[in-house]
Amino acid sequence: MAVLLEDIVQSVEMWLKLTKKPQPYVDPNLDPVLLVPGIAGSILNAVDSQNGQEERVWVRILGADYKFRTKLWSRFDPSTGRTVSLDPSTSVKVPEERYGLYAIDVLDPDMIIGRECVYYFHDMIVEMIKWGFQEGKTLFGFGYDFRQSNRLQETLDRLAAKLESVYKASGGKKINIISHSMGGLLIKCFMGLHCDIFEKYVKNWIAIAAPFRGAPGYIASTFLNGMSFVDGWEQNFFISKWSMHQLLIECPSIYELMACPHFHWQHIPLLEIWREEESCDGISRIILESYRPGESIDIFKEALSGNSVDYNGENIPLPFNLEILKWAKETHKVLSHAKVPSGVKFYNIYGINLETPHSICYGSEETPVTDILDLPFFQPTYVCVDGDGTVPAESAMADGLHAEARVGVPAEHRGILCEPHVFRILKHWLQAGDPDPFYNPVNDYVILPTAFETESHHEKGLQVTSLKEEWEIVSEDQDDPDDMASRRPFVSSISVSQGGNMQSSRSEAHATIICHPQNEGKQRLELNAVGVSVDA
């Protein structure tokens, strides 16, 4: 009986081993990574000071607009530089579960249908765990109250403490920071104001889609019309553009994303308005007025002079905030003077190939703007440039820093965080997995040597050397298979000779290169060469 029981126990133990969820691969040699999101990229909880209860107010679908207005609407306090909730009993807190990753992974964990629309770093976290990163050991997150200024000391103190804790948790290894969007401005502010701490704890900083010189068209229309963070049917259950507008008008972070007025833009971003003007002879005509970034301030002031919200029966004016603008100008000074410490490497990934708002225009020749106060009720049209749909590539590239590499990736502003090309680049720069010395992150292809043969012999005063080498280029680009059949290998040749003298021999080399058409993402190259030298 005892033997039978032992057999049963062994069988159950074996079954448990078979059904036990396999443990993810962990690479203990990886350096730690800290993920830093951009604007609206962190879960925010409202904490009731009277009973200590917490509830998620960003992001949520059910009751989203009501909770947003009652808990997150704020006023800027110029004496502290903080934006404070209108509800005096509410404070805003970022959850710290999963070593900070919970707040930046899926922004509404309760959402089931259409969950992808509230993914932030989710896909990147899943991918990095496959590479061997481990939450709490080599993978961490830093969420923050994105309403606040990027140089608010409270946020910078939290970031300093986070860097120290990550450094200690990983056994004293320096950190790779990966920032997205406005998170790049936060990191740059920290680097400019706390360079010593940054150099002590940081090994590499990789900025993705950072608006280093602002997001001109996107932010200008935000001041007048608000913004939406989700598209499609989800908008019907989410926060209205008007509610978002009333929050952002009191957020220093938004003012810090305005177009940098001192940057030498290839094309100056403009605010344009079609207006009806009556001449001295009483004849009206339609004119197009254009305002540069600095000149647009007066338009924002006038257009938003009557803006207000009704909060608990009280009418609260929310005009364009000149105190915040003054604060933002100081932030721009910090950003302009920041430098990468000598012991840190900086990399920049930015989005390209999408039409991105740069200049905005209100009204038209047929429907001119008759009153500036009506601008918030007009839908703008955009003059677009290349970028990621939100940040112009020109702005994202102009980091003003010494960069090891700058790489443009065809991708949308938030979608870039789940772009396979970006994953391949990060894996290469983070040295995760088996090292691949042949990967080129700029062009996103891998050159693999597949064959190498060499032979040399000496005969009658001649030294003859022959060489044959083959490579395979692996790329994501796929040629049209119907076009492949009509294409032939491309053949090229090259010859090099060197004249001899009393001290050296005369030599010649001839080579033929055959480039075969791409097939299934692979392209084969052949090199056949022969060299002949004559003894001196």
Protein backbone atom coordinates (compact mmCIF):
# COMPACT_ATOMS: atom_id res chain seq x y z
CA MET A 1 0.00 0.00 0.00
CA ALA A 2 2.82 2.38 0.93
CA VAL A 3 4.45 1.69 -2.42
CA LEU A 4 1.22 2.45 -4.25
CA LEU A 5 0.76 5.70 -2.32
CA GLU A 6 4.32 6.66 -3.13
CA ASP A 7 3.60 5.98 -6.81
CA ILE A 8 0.49 8.19 -6.60
CA VAL A 9 2.45 10.99 -4.93
CA GLN A 10 5.17 10.77 -7.58
CA SER A 11 2.56 10.81 -10.34
CA VAL A 12 0.88 13.91 -8.86
CA GLU A 13 4.24 15.63 -8.44
CA MET A 14 5.09 14.86 -12.07
CA TRP A 15 1.69 16.17 -13.20
CA LEU A 16 2.22 19.36 -11.21
CA LYS A 17 5.60 19.85 -12.86
CA LEU A 18 4.05 19.37 -16.28
CA THR A 19 1.18 21.76 -15.63
CA LYS A 20 3.22 24.35 -13.79
CA LYS A 21 3.52 27.57 -15.77
CA PRO A 22 7.02 27.77 -17.27
CA GLN A 23 9.20 30.43 -15.71
CA PRO A 24 10.22 33.26 -18.03
CA TYR A 25 13.81 33.45 -19.19
CA VAL A 26 15.89 35.76 -16.98
CA ASP A 27 19.26 37.15 -18.01
CA PRO A 28 21.13 38.18 -14.82
CA ASN A 29 23.78 40.03 -16.85
CA LEU A 30 21.45 42.72 -18.21
CA ASP A 31 21.74 46.30 -17.02
CA PRO A 32 18.53 47.71 -15.49
CA VAL A 33 16.03 49.68 -17.56
CA LEU A 34 13.77 52.48 -16.31
CA LEU A 35 10.76 53.34 -18.51
CA VAL A 36 9.51 56.95 -18.36
CA PRO A 37 6.22 57.82 -20.14
CA GLY A 38 5.02 61.07 -21.68
CA ILE A 39 1.97 63.23 -21.11
CA ALA A 40 -1.11 61.25 -20.04
CA GLY A 41 1.04 58.11 -19.86
CA SER A 42 0.67 57.38 -16.13
CA ILE A 43 -2.28 56.09 -14.12
CA LEU A 44 -3.38 58.76 -11.64
CA ASN A 45 -5.31 57.99 -8.46
CA ALA A 46 -7.32 60.53 -6.49
CA VAL A 47 -6.79 60.24 -2.74
CA ASP A 48 -9.48 61.54 -0.39
CA SER A 49 -7.72 63.34 2.48
CA GLN A 50 -10.67 62.72 4.81
CA ASN A 51 -10.86 58.92 4.61
CA GLY A 52 -7.70 58.00 2.69
CA GLN A 53 -9.63 56.16 -0.03
CA GLU A 54 -8.08 55.95 -3.48
CA GLU A 55 -9.77 55.68 -6.86
CA ARG A 56 -8.35 55.72 -10.36
CA VAL A 57 -9.30 58.90 -12.20
CA TRP A 58 -6.90 58.58 -15.14
CA VAL A 59 -7.46 56.46 -17.12
CA ARG A 60 -10.95 55.06 -16.71
CA ILE A 61 -13.85 54.46 -19.08
CA LEU A 62 -16.86 54.21 -16.73
CA GLY A 63 -17.73 57.62 -15.29
CA ALA A 64 -14.57 59.01 -16.88
CA ASP A 65 -15.67 62.57 -17.67
CA TYR A 66 -17.40 63.18 -14.32
CA LYS A 67 -14.46 61.91 -12.23
CA PHE A 68 -12.05 63.81 -14.43
CA ARG A 69 -13.87 67.11 -13.88
CA THR A 70 -14.43 66.65 -10.14
CA LYS A 71 -11.01 65.23 -9.21
CA LEU A 72 -8.44 66.39 -11.78
CA TRP A 73 -9.51 69.88 -12.80
CA SER A 74 -6.89 72.16 -11.29
CA ARG A 75 -5.49 75.64 -10.75
CA PHE A 76 -1.84 76.67 -11.07
CA ASP A 77 -0.20 78.10 -7.97
CA PRO A 78 2.60 80.47 -9.12
CA SER A 79 4.12 80.60 -5.64
CA THR A 80 4.98 76.88 -5.74
CA GLY A 81 4.86 76.05 -9.44
CA ARG A 82 2.37 73.28 -8.70
CA THR A 83 -1.00 72.60 -10.26
CA VAL A 84 -3.48 71.82 -7.47
CA SER A 85 -6.85 70.07 -7.80
CA LEU A 86 -9.92 72.29 -7.45
CA ASP A 87 -11.28 69.81 -4.92
CA PRO A 88 -9.45 70.77 -1.69
CA SER A 89 -9.92 67.28 -0.24
CA THR A 90 -8.28 65.55 -3.21
CA SER A 91 -4.61 64.87 -3.80
CA VAL A 92 -3.24 63.01 -6.81
CA LYS A 93 -1.02 59.96 -6.43
CA VAL A 94 0.72 57.65 -8.89
CA PRO A 95 0.48 53.93 -7.96
CA GLU A 96 3.83 52.21 -7.38
CA GLU A 97 2.85 48.53 -7.77
CA ARG A 98 5.08 46.26 -9.83
CA TYR A 99 8.07 48.51 -9.20
CA GLY A 100 6.39 51.41 -10.98
CA LEU A 101 5.41 49.40 -14.09
CA TYR A 102 1.72 49.05 -13.19
CA ALA A 103 1.11 52.78 -13.68
CA ILE A 104 2.59 52.86 -17.21
CA ASP A 105 1.59 49.46 -18.59
CA VAL A 106 -2.17 49.34 -19.31
CA LEU A 107 -3.72 52.67 -18.32
CA ASP A 108 -7.17 51.18 -17.66
CA PRO A 109 -6.59 47.62 -16.36
CA ASP A 110 -10.36 47.07 -16.08
CA MET A 111 -10.95 47.55 -19.78
CA ILE A 112 -11.48 44.32 -21.75
CA ILE A 113 -12.91 45.20 -25.17
CA GLY A 114 -10.64 47.50 -27.16
CA ARG A 115 -7.96 47.31 -24.46
CA GLU A 116 -5.22 48.14 -26.95
CA CYS A 117 -6.34 51.79 -26.99
CA VAL A 118 -5.16 52.18 -23.37
CA TYR A 119 -1.86 50.32 -23.79
CA TYR A 120 1.13 52.50 -23.04
CA PHE A 121 4.39 50.62 -22.44
CA HIS A 122 2.56 47.27 -22.40
CA ASP A 123 3.97 45.81 -25.63
CA MET A 124 7.48 46.97 -24.82
CA ILE A 125 7.32 45.45 -21.33
CA VAL A 126 6.15 42.10 -22.77
CA GLU A 127 8.94 42.19 -25.36
CA MET A 128 11.67 43.08 -22.87
CA ILE A 129 10.64 40.25 -20.55
CA LYS A 130 11.18 37.90 -23.50
CA TRP A 131 14.72 39.28 -23.79
CA GLY A 132 15.44 38.32 -20.19
CA PHE A 133 14.51 41.44 -18.24
CA GLN A 134 12.82 40.86 -14.88
CA GLU A 135 10.42 43.18 -13.08
CA GLY A 136 11.98 44.53 -9.91
CA LYS A 137 15.47 43.32 -10.84
CA THR A 138 16.25 44.80 -14.24
CA LEU A 139 12.95 46.38 -15.34
CA PHE A 140 11.27 49.35 -13.63
CA GLY A 141 8.84 52.18 -14.38
CA PHE A 142 8.52 55.82 -13.34
CA GLY A 143 5.01 57.26 -13.52
CA TYR A 144 4.34 60.87 -12.56
CA ASP A 145 1.64 63.53 -12.38
CA PHE A 146 1.84 64.74 -15.98
CA ARG A 147 -0.16 67.91 -15.18
CA GLN A 148 2.90 69.34 -13.47
CA SER A 149 5.93 71.13 -14.85
CA ASN A 150 8.82 69.01 -16.07
CA ARG A 151 11.08 70.85 -13.63
CA LEU A 152 8.85 70.67 -10.56
CA GLN A 153 11.20 69.85 -7.70
CA GLU A 154 8.76 67.36 -6.17
CA THR A 155 8.83 65.26 -9.37
CA LEU A 156 12.60 65.59 -9.73
CA ASP A 157 13.08 64.45 -6.10
CA ARG A 158 10.93 61.38 -6.79
CA LEU A 159 12.97 60.63 -9.91
CA ALA A 160 16.25 60.96 -7.98
CA ALA A 161 14.95 58.52 -5.34
CA LYS A 162 13.80 56.15 -8.08
CA LEU A 163 17.21 56.13 -9.76
CA GLU A 164 18.87 55.36 -6.43
CA SER A 165 16.44 52.52 -5.64
CA VAL A 166 16.83 50.96 -9.10
CA TYR A 167 20.61 51.20 -8.80
CA LYS A 168 20.53 49.39 -5.46
CA ALA A 169 17.94 46.78 -6.52
CA SER A 170 20.06 45.80 -9.51
CA GLY A 171 23.19 45.32 -7.46
CA GLY A 172 24.90 48.61 -8.23
CA LYS A 173 24.50 48.53 -12.00
CA LYS A 174 24.06 51.77 -13.90
CA ILE A 175 20.66 52.35 -15.51
CA ASN A 176 19.37 52.56 -19.08
CA ILE A 177 16.57 55.15 -19.22
CA ILE A 178 14.01 54.82 -22.02
CA SER A 179 11.74 57.87 -22.20
CA HIS A 180 8.78 58.51 -24.47
CA SER A 181 7.42 61.86 -25.68
CA MET A 182 7.29 64.50 -22.93
CA GLY A 183 9.17 62.07 -20.67
CA GLY A 184 12.21 63.15 -22.69
CA LEU A 185 11.77 66.73 -21.50
CA LEU A 186 11.44 65.54 -17.89
CA ILE A 187 14.68 63.58 -18.18
CA LYS A 188 16.46 66.47 -19.89
CA CYS A 189 15.34 68.86 -17.12
CA PHE A 190 16.59 66.44 -14.48
CA MET A 191 19.89 66.04 -16.33
CA GLY A 192 20.30 69.82 -16.54
CA LEU A 193 19.46 70.48 -12.88
CA HIS A 194 20.97 67.36 -11.27
CA CYS A 195 23.82 66.43 -13.58
CA ASP A 196 25.85 64.82 -10.78
CA ILE A 197 23.06 62.42 -9.79
CA PHE A 198 22.34 61.64 -13.44
CA GLU A 199 25.98 60.75 -14.13
CA LYS A 200 26.20 58.66 -10.95
CA TYR A 201 23.28 56.37 -11.77
CA VAL A 202 22.69 56.48 -15.56
CA LYS A 203 24.56 54.55 -18.23
CA ASN A 204 22.45 55.29 -21.34
CA TRP A 205 19.46 57.47 -22.12
CA ILE A 206 17.28 56.54 -25.10
CA ALA A 207 14.68 59.20 -25.98
CA ILE A 208 11.76 58.10 -28.17
CA ALA A 209 9.53 60.65 -29.97
CA ALA A 210 10.60 63.51 -27.70
CA PRO A 211 9.29 67.01 -28.61
CA PHE A 212 12.61 68.69 -27.88
CA ARG A 213 11.53 71.90 -29.68
CA GLY A 214 7.83 71.52 -29.04
CA ALA A 215 4.83 70.19 -30.94
CA PRO A 216 3.66 73.43 -32.60
CA GLY A 217 0.46 72.52 -34.42
CA TYR A 218 -0.74 70.00 -31.87
CA ILE A 219 -0.27 72.27 -28.84
CA ALA A 220 -1.61 75.43 -30.51
CA SER A 221 -4.87 73.67 -31.36
CA THR A 222 -4.95 72.15 -27.86
CA PHE A 223 -5.07 75.62 -26.30
CA LEU A 224 -8.05 76.57 -28.44
CA ASN A 225 -9.87 73.26 -29.00
CA GLY A 226 -8.60 70.70 -26.49
CA MET A 227 -7.27 67.27 -27.36
CA SER A 228 -8.39 63.65 -27.37
CA PHE A 229 -6.16 60.78 -26.30
CA VAL A 230 -8.19 58.01 -27.94
CA ASP A 231 -9.68 57.68 -31.41
CA GLY A 232 -12.65 55.80 -32.81
CA TRP A 233 -15.68 54.53 -30.91
CA GLU A 234 -13.90 54.71 -27.55
CA GLN A 235 -14.22 58.52 -27.63
CA ASN A 236 -17.94 58.12 -26.87
CA PHE A 237 -17.10 56.66 -23.44
CA PHE A 238 -14.07 58.77 -22.68
CA ILE A 239 -13.26 62.30 -21.59
CA SER A 240 -14.62 65.06 -23.83
CA LYS A 241 -12.20 67.38 -25.61
CA TRP A 242 -13.78 70.31 -23.74
CA SER A 243 -13.14 68.72 -20.33
CA MET A 244 -9.58 67.94 -21.37
CA HIS A 245 -9.14 71.50 -22.59
CA GLN A 246 -10.22 72.95 -19.24
CA LEU A 247 -7.62 70.82 -17.47
CA LEU A 248 -4.73 71.46 -19.82
CA ILE A 249 -5.18 75.25 -19.80
CA GLU A 250 -3.86 75.13 -16.20
CA CYS A 251 -1.08 72.56 -16.81
CA PRO A 252 2.52 73.84 -16.98
CA SER A 253 3.52 70.72 -18.91
CA ILE A 254 1.40 71.82 -21.90
CA TYR A 255 2.92 75.30 -21.97
CA GLU A 256 6.37 73.68 -21.94
CA LEU A 257 5.42 71.83 -25.15
CA MET A 258 4.76 75.04 -27.10
CA ALA A 259 6.91 75.75 -30.15
CA CYS A 260 10.36 76.95 -29.14
CA PRO A 261 10.41 80.56 -30.45
CA HIS A 262 14.22 80.77 -30.64
CA PHE A 263 14.72 77.57 -32.63
CA HIS A 264 15.70 78.03 -36.28
CA TRP A 265 12.78 76.17 -37.85
CA GLN A 266 13.06 75.15 -41.47
CA HIS A 267 9.53 76.53 -41.82
CA ILE A 268 8.34 78.76 -38.97
CA PRO A 269 5.15 77.34 -37.38
CA LEU A 270 2.31 79.82 -37.77
CA LEU A 271 -1.13 80.47 -36.39
CA GLU A 272 -3.21 81.75 -39.30
CA ILE A 273 -6.69 83.26 -39.25
CA TRP A 274 -8.95 84.20 -42.15
CA ARG A 275 -10.63 87.47 -41.11
CA GLU A 276 -12.98 89.98 -42.63
CA GLU A 277 -11.60 93.50 -42.60
CA GLU A 278 -13.44 96.68 -43.51
CA SER A 279 -11.38 99.33 -45.26
CA CYS A 280 -11.75 103.10 -44.78
CA ASP A 281 -13.93 103.32 -47.88
CA GLY A 282 -16.42 100.91 -46.32
CA ILE A 283 -15.54 97.97 -48.55
CA SER A 284 -14.88 94.71 -46.70
CA ARG A 285 -12.25 92.23 -47.79
CA ILE A 286 -11.05 88.86 -46.59
CA ILE A 287 -7.43 88.68 -45.45
CA LEU A 288 -5.23 85.92 -44.04
CA GLU A 289 -3.41 86.98 -40.88
CA SER A 290 -0.28 85.05 -39.83
CA TYR A 291 1.27 84.96 -36.37
CA ARG A 292 4.65 83.52 -35.36
CA PRO A 293 4.97 81.52 -32.11
CA GLY A 294 5.69 84.59 -29.97
CA GLU A 295 2.99 86.63 -31.67
CA SER A 296 0.37 83.89 -31.14
CA ILE A 297 0.28 84.62 -27.41
CA ASP A 298 -1.92 87.68 -27.91
CA ILE A 299 -4.38 85.58 -29.94
CA PHE A 300 -4.54 82.93 -27.20
CA LYS A 301 -5.10 85.64 -24.59
CA GLU A 302 -7.95 87.23 -26.51
CA ALA A 303 -9.59 83.97 -27.63
CA LEU A 304 -9.56 82.53 -24.09
CA SER A 305 -10.33 85.73 -22.20
CA GLY A 306 -13.88 84.56 -21.47
CA ASN A 307 -13.03 80.90 -20.79
CA SER A 308 -14.37 79.57 -17.48
CA VAL A 309 -15.77 76.48 -15.77
CA ASP A 310 -18.64 75.96 -13.38
CA TYR A 311 -17.31 73.99 -10.41
CA ASN A 312 -19.73 73.18 -7.58
CA GLY A 313 -21.83 76.20 -8.49
CA GLU A 314 -18.85 78.58 -8.62
CA ASN A 315 -17.80 80.18 -11.91
CA ILE A 316 -14.01 79.94 -12.15
CA PRO A 317 -12.21 81.94 -14.88
CA LEU A 318 -9.64 79.91 -16.85
CA PRO A 319 -7.98 82.29 -19.33
CA PHE A 320 -4.66 81.69 -21.06
CA ASN A 321 -2.36 81.66 -18.05
CA LEU A 322 0.51 84.16 -18.30
CA GLU A 323 1.97 83.00 -14.97
CA ILE A 324 2.35 79.50 -16.37
CA LEU A 325 3.84 80.94 -19.56
CA LYS A 326 6.46 82.74 -17.47
CA TRP A 327 7.24 79.48 -15.64
CA ALA A 328 7.49 77.60 -18.96
CA LYS A 329 10.03 80.11 -20.30
CA GLU A 330 12.29 79.31 -17.35
CA THR A 331 11.87 75.62 -18.10
CA HIS A 332 12.98 76.24 -21.70
CA LYS A 333 16.14 77.89 -20.33
CA VAL A 334 16.89 74.79 -18.28
CA LEU A 335 16.34 72.58 -21.33
CA SER A 336 18.55 74.73 -23.56
CA HIS A 337 21.52 74.54 -21.16
CA ALA A 338 21.33 70.81 -20.36
CA LYS A 339 24.27 68.67 -21.49
CA VAL A 340 24.89 64.93 -21.46
CA PRO A 341 27.53 64.04 -18.83
CA SER A 342 30.73 62.55 -20.18
CA GLY A 343 30.03 59.12 -18.70
CA VAL A 344 26.55 58.79 -20.25
CA LYS A 345 25.56 57.86 -23.80
CA PHE A 346 22.49 59.41 -25.42
CA TYR A 347 20.41 57.94 -28.27
CA ASN A 348 17.43 59.46 -30.10
CA ILE A 349 14.61 57.59 -31.90
CA TYR A 350 11.97 59.69 -33.62
CA GLY A 351 8.92 59.03 -35.80
CA ILE A 352 8.75 59.85 -39.51
CA ASN A 353 6.60 59.42 -42.63
CA LEU A 354 3.34 60.75 -41.15
CA GLU A 355 1.69 64.10 -41.81
CA THR A 356 2.20 66.09 -38.62
CA PRO A 357 0.50 69.40 -37.71
CA HIS A 358 2.96 72.28 -37.84
CA SER A 359 0.99 75.42 -38.66
CA ILE A 360 -2.74 75.79 -38.00
CA CYS A 361 -5.38 77.86 -39.73
CA TYR A 362 -8.84 78.96 -38.56
CA GLY A 363 -11.65 80.04 -40.84
CA SER A 364 -11.59 80.20 -44.62
CA GLU A 365 -12.19 82.69 -47.40
CA GLU A 366 -15.81 81.51 -47.48
CA THR A 367 -16.25 81.47 -43.70
CA PRO A 368 -13.91 84.00 -42.12
CA VAL A 369 -13.55 84.49 -38.36
CA THR A 370 -15.49 87.58 -37.34
CA ASP A 371 -14.72 87.43 -33.61
CA ILE A 372 -11.55 86.00 -32.02
CA LEU A 373 -13.68 84.77 -29.11
CA ASP A 374 -15.25 82.31 -31.56
CA LEU A 375 -11.95 80.56 -32.34
CA PRO A 376 -12.60 77.66 -29.90
CA PHE A 377 -15.73 76.84 -31.93
CA PHE A 378 -13.84 76.62 -35.25
CA GLN A 379 -12.19 73.41 -36.39
CA PRO A 380 -8.64 74.16 -37.52
CA THR A 381 -6.98 73.00 -40.70
CA TYR A 382 -3.32 72.10 -40.63
CA VAL A 383 -0.21 72.66 -42.66
CA CYS A 384 1.71 69.46 -42.05
CA VAL A 385 5.33 68.41 -42.11
CA ASP A 386 7.06 65.06 -41.70
CA GLY A 387 6.86 63.50 -38.26
CA ASP A 388 4.93 60.98 -36.16
CA GLY A 389 1.53 62.66 -36.41
CA THR A 390 2.09 64.68 -33.22
CA VAL A 391 5.74 65.74 -33.04
CA PRO A 392 7.51 67.03 -36.17
CA ALA A 393 10.66 65.07 -36.97
CA GLU A 394 12.52 68.39 -37.08
CA SER A 395 11.64 69.01 -33.42
CA ALA A 396 12.39 65.48 -32.24
CA MET A 397 15.78 65.42 -33.98
CA ALA A 398 16.88 68.77 -32.52
CA ASP A 399 17.81 67.46 -29.07
CA GLY A 400 20.75 69.87 -28.74
CA LEU A 401 22.82 67.06 -27.24
CA HIS A 402 25.77 64.92 -28.21
CA ALA A 403 24.06 61.79 -29.53
CA GLU A 404 25.60 58.41 -30.25
CA ALA A 405 22.89 57.88 -32.88
CA ARG A 406 19.67 59.40 -34.17
CA VAL A 407 17.31 57.04 -35.96
CA GLY A 408 14.05 57.86 -37.75
CA VAL A 409 11.41 55.13 -37.69
CA PRO A 410 8.18 55.20 -39.74
CA ALA A 411 5.66 55.15 -36.88
CA GLU A 412 2.85 57.02 -35.12
CA HIS A 413 3.55 58.94 -31.92
CA ARG A 414 2.20 56.39 -29.45
CA GLY A 415 2.36 53.43 -31.81
CA ILE A 416 6.13 53.77 -31.95
CA LEU A 417 6.22 52.03 -28.55
CA CYS A 418 5.06 48.77 -30.14
CA GLU A 419 6.98 49.10 -33.40
CA PRO A 420 9.12 45.99 -34.19
CA HIS A 421 11.85 48.17 -35.72
CA VAL A 422 12.14 50.04 -32.41
CA PHE A 423 12.31 46.74 -30.52
CA ARG A 424 15.20 45.58 -32.69
CA ILE A 425 17.04 48.87 -32.13
CA LEU A 426 16.52 48.75 -28.36
CA LYS A 427 17.61 45.14 -28.15
CA HIS A 428 20.79 46.08 -29.98
CA TRP A 429 21.57 49.17 -27.88
CA LEU A 430 20.70 47.43 -24.60
CA GLN A 431 22.86 44.45 -25.60
CA ALA A 432 20.03 42.08 -24.78
CA GLY A 433 20.18 38.52 -26.09
CA ASP A 434 23.03 37.29 -28.26
CA PRO A 435 25.12 40.21 -29.54
CA ASP A 436 24.70 40.91 -33.23
CA PRO A 437 27.69 42.95 -34.49
CA PHE A 438 26.23 42.99 -38.00
CA TYR A 439 22.96 44.77 -37.17
CA ASN A 440 22.58 48.30 -38.54
CA PRO A 441 19.90 50.13 -36.48
CA VAL A 442 19.77 53.11 -38.85
CA ASN A 443 18.79 51.09 -41.92
CA ASP A 444 17.30 48.21 -39.92
CA TYR A 445 19.01 45.34 -41.67
CA VAL A 446 21.42 42.59 -40.72
CA ILE A 447 24.42 41.61 -42.85
CA LEU A 448 25.31 37.96 -42.25
CA PRO A 449 28.53 36.49 -43.67
CA THR A 450 27.54 33.11 -45.12
CA ALA A 451 30.68 31.96 -46.91
CA PHE A 452 34.38 32.81 -46.97
CA GLU A 453 37.11 31.10 -48.97
CA THR A 454 40.65 32.23 -49.71
CA GLU A 455 43.54 30.58 -51.50
CA SER A 456 47.07 31.75 -52.19
CA HIS A 457 50.04 30.32 -54.10
CA HIS A 458 53.41 31.45 -55.43
CA GLU A 459 54.61 30.57 -58.92
CA LYS A 460 57.39 31.93 -61.19
CA GLY A 461 57.77 35.22 -59.35
CA LEU A 462 54.04 35.81 -59.07
CA GLN A 463 52.00 35.83 -55.85
CA VAL A 464 48.40 34.91 -56.71
CA THR A 465 45.60 35.21 -54.14
CA SER A 466 41.95 34.41 -54.79
CA LEU A 467 39.03 35.20 -52.52
CA LYS A 468 35.38 34.33 -52.49
CA GLU A 469 32.95 35.77 -49.96
CA GLU A 470 29.15 35.78 -49.66
CA TRP A 471 26.76 37.79 -47.47
CA GLU A 472 23.07 37.67 -46.79
CA ILE A 473 21.24 40.91 -46.03
CA VAL A 474 18.14 40.34 -43.91
CA SER A 475 15.67 43.21 -44.09
CA GLU A 476 12.05 43.88 -43.14
CA ASP A 477 11.39 45.39 -46.58
CA GLN A 478 9.67 42.98 -48.92
CA ASP A 479 9.79 43.29 -52.70
CA ASP A 480 6.76 42.53 -54.85
CA PRO A 481 6.94 38.78 -55.63
CA ASP A 482 5.41 39.37 -59.07
CA ASP A 483 8.24 41.75 -59.86
CA MET A 484 10.90 39.30 -58.67
CA ALA A 485 10.59 37.00 -61.68
CA SER A 486 11.50 39.77 -64.13
CA ARG A 487 14.52 40.95 -62.20
CA ARG A 488 18.04 39.70 -62.85
CA PRO A 489 21.13 39.75 -60.69
CA PHE A 490 23.08 43.01 -60.73
CA VAL A 491 26.76 42.54 -61.65
CA SER A 492 29.52 45.06 -61.06
CA SER A 493 33.30 44.91 -61.22
CA ILE A 494 36.23 46.87 -59.87
CA SER A 495 39.96 46.86 -60.58
CA VAL A 496 42.81 48.32 -58.52
CA SER A 497 46.50 48.45 -59.42
CA GLN A 498 49.65 49.67 -57.73
CA GLY A 499 52.84 50.52 -59.60
CA GLY A 500 56.07 49.03 -58.39
CA ASN A 501 59.49 50.56 -57.66
CA MET A 502 62.83 49.45 -56.27
CA GLN A 503 61.38 48.85 -52.80
CA SER A 504 57.94 47.40 -53.60
CA SER A 505 56.37 45.00 -56.05
CA ARG A 506 53.78 45.76 -58.72
CA SER A 507 50.33 44.39 -57.90
CA GLU A 508 46.82 44.27 -59.36
CA ALA A 509 43.45 43.13 -58.04
CA HIS A 510 40.19 42.48 -59.87
CA ALA A 511 36.81 41.81 -58.23
CA THR A 512 33.31 41.00 -59.39
CA ILE A 513 30.25 41.66 -57.20
CA ILE A 514 26.95 39.92 -57.90
CA CYS A 515 23.85 41.29 -56.15
CA HIS A 516 20.91 38.88 -56.39
CA PRO A 517 17.29 40.13 -56.21
CA GLN A 518 15.68 40.13 -52.78
CA ASN A 519 13.58 37.09 -51.95
CA GLU A 520 11.46 36.72 -48.79
CA GLY A 521 13.27 39.59 -47.08
CA LYS A 522 16.73 38.21 -47.88
CA GLN A 523 19.24 39.39 -50.45
CA ARG A 524 22.44 37.52 -51.37
CA LEU A 525 25.70 39.21 -52.36
CA GLU A 526 28.71 37.41 -53.88
CA LEU A 527 32.26 38.74 -54.11
CA ASN A 528 34.86 37.00 -56.29
CA ALA A 529 38.30 38.58 -56.33
CA VAL A 530 41.82 37.74 -57.46
CA GLY A 531 45.02 39.61 -56.71
CA VAL A 532 48.40 39.25 -58.42
CA SER A 533 51.68 40.76 -57.32
CA VAL A 534 55.05 40.60 -59.05
CA ASP A 535 58.16 40.16 -56.94
CA ALA A 536 60.41 43.23 -56.86
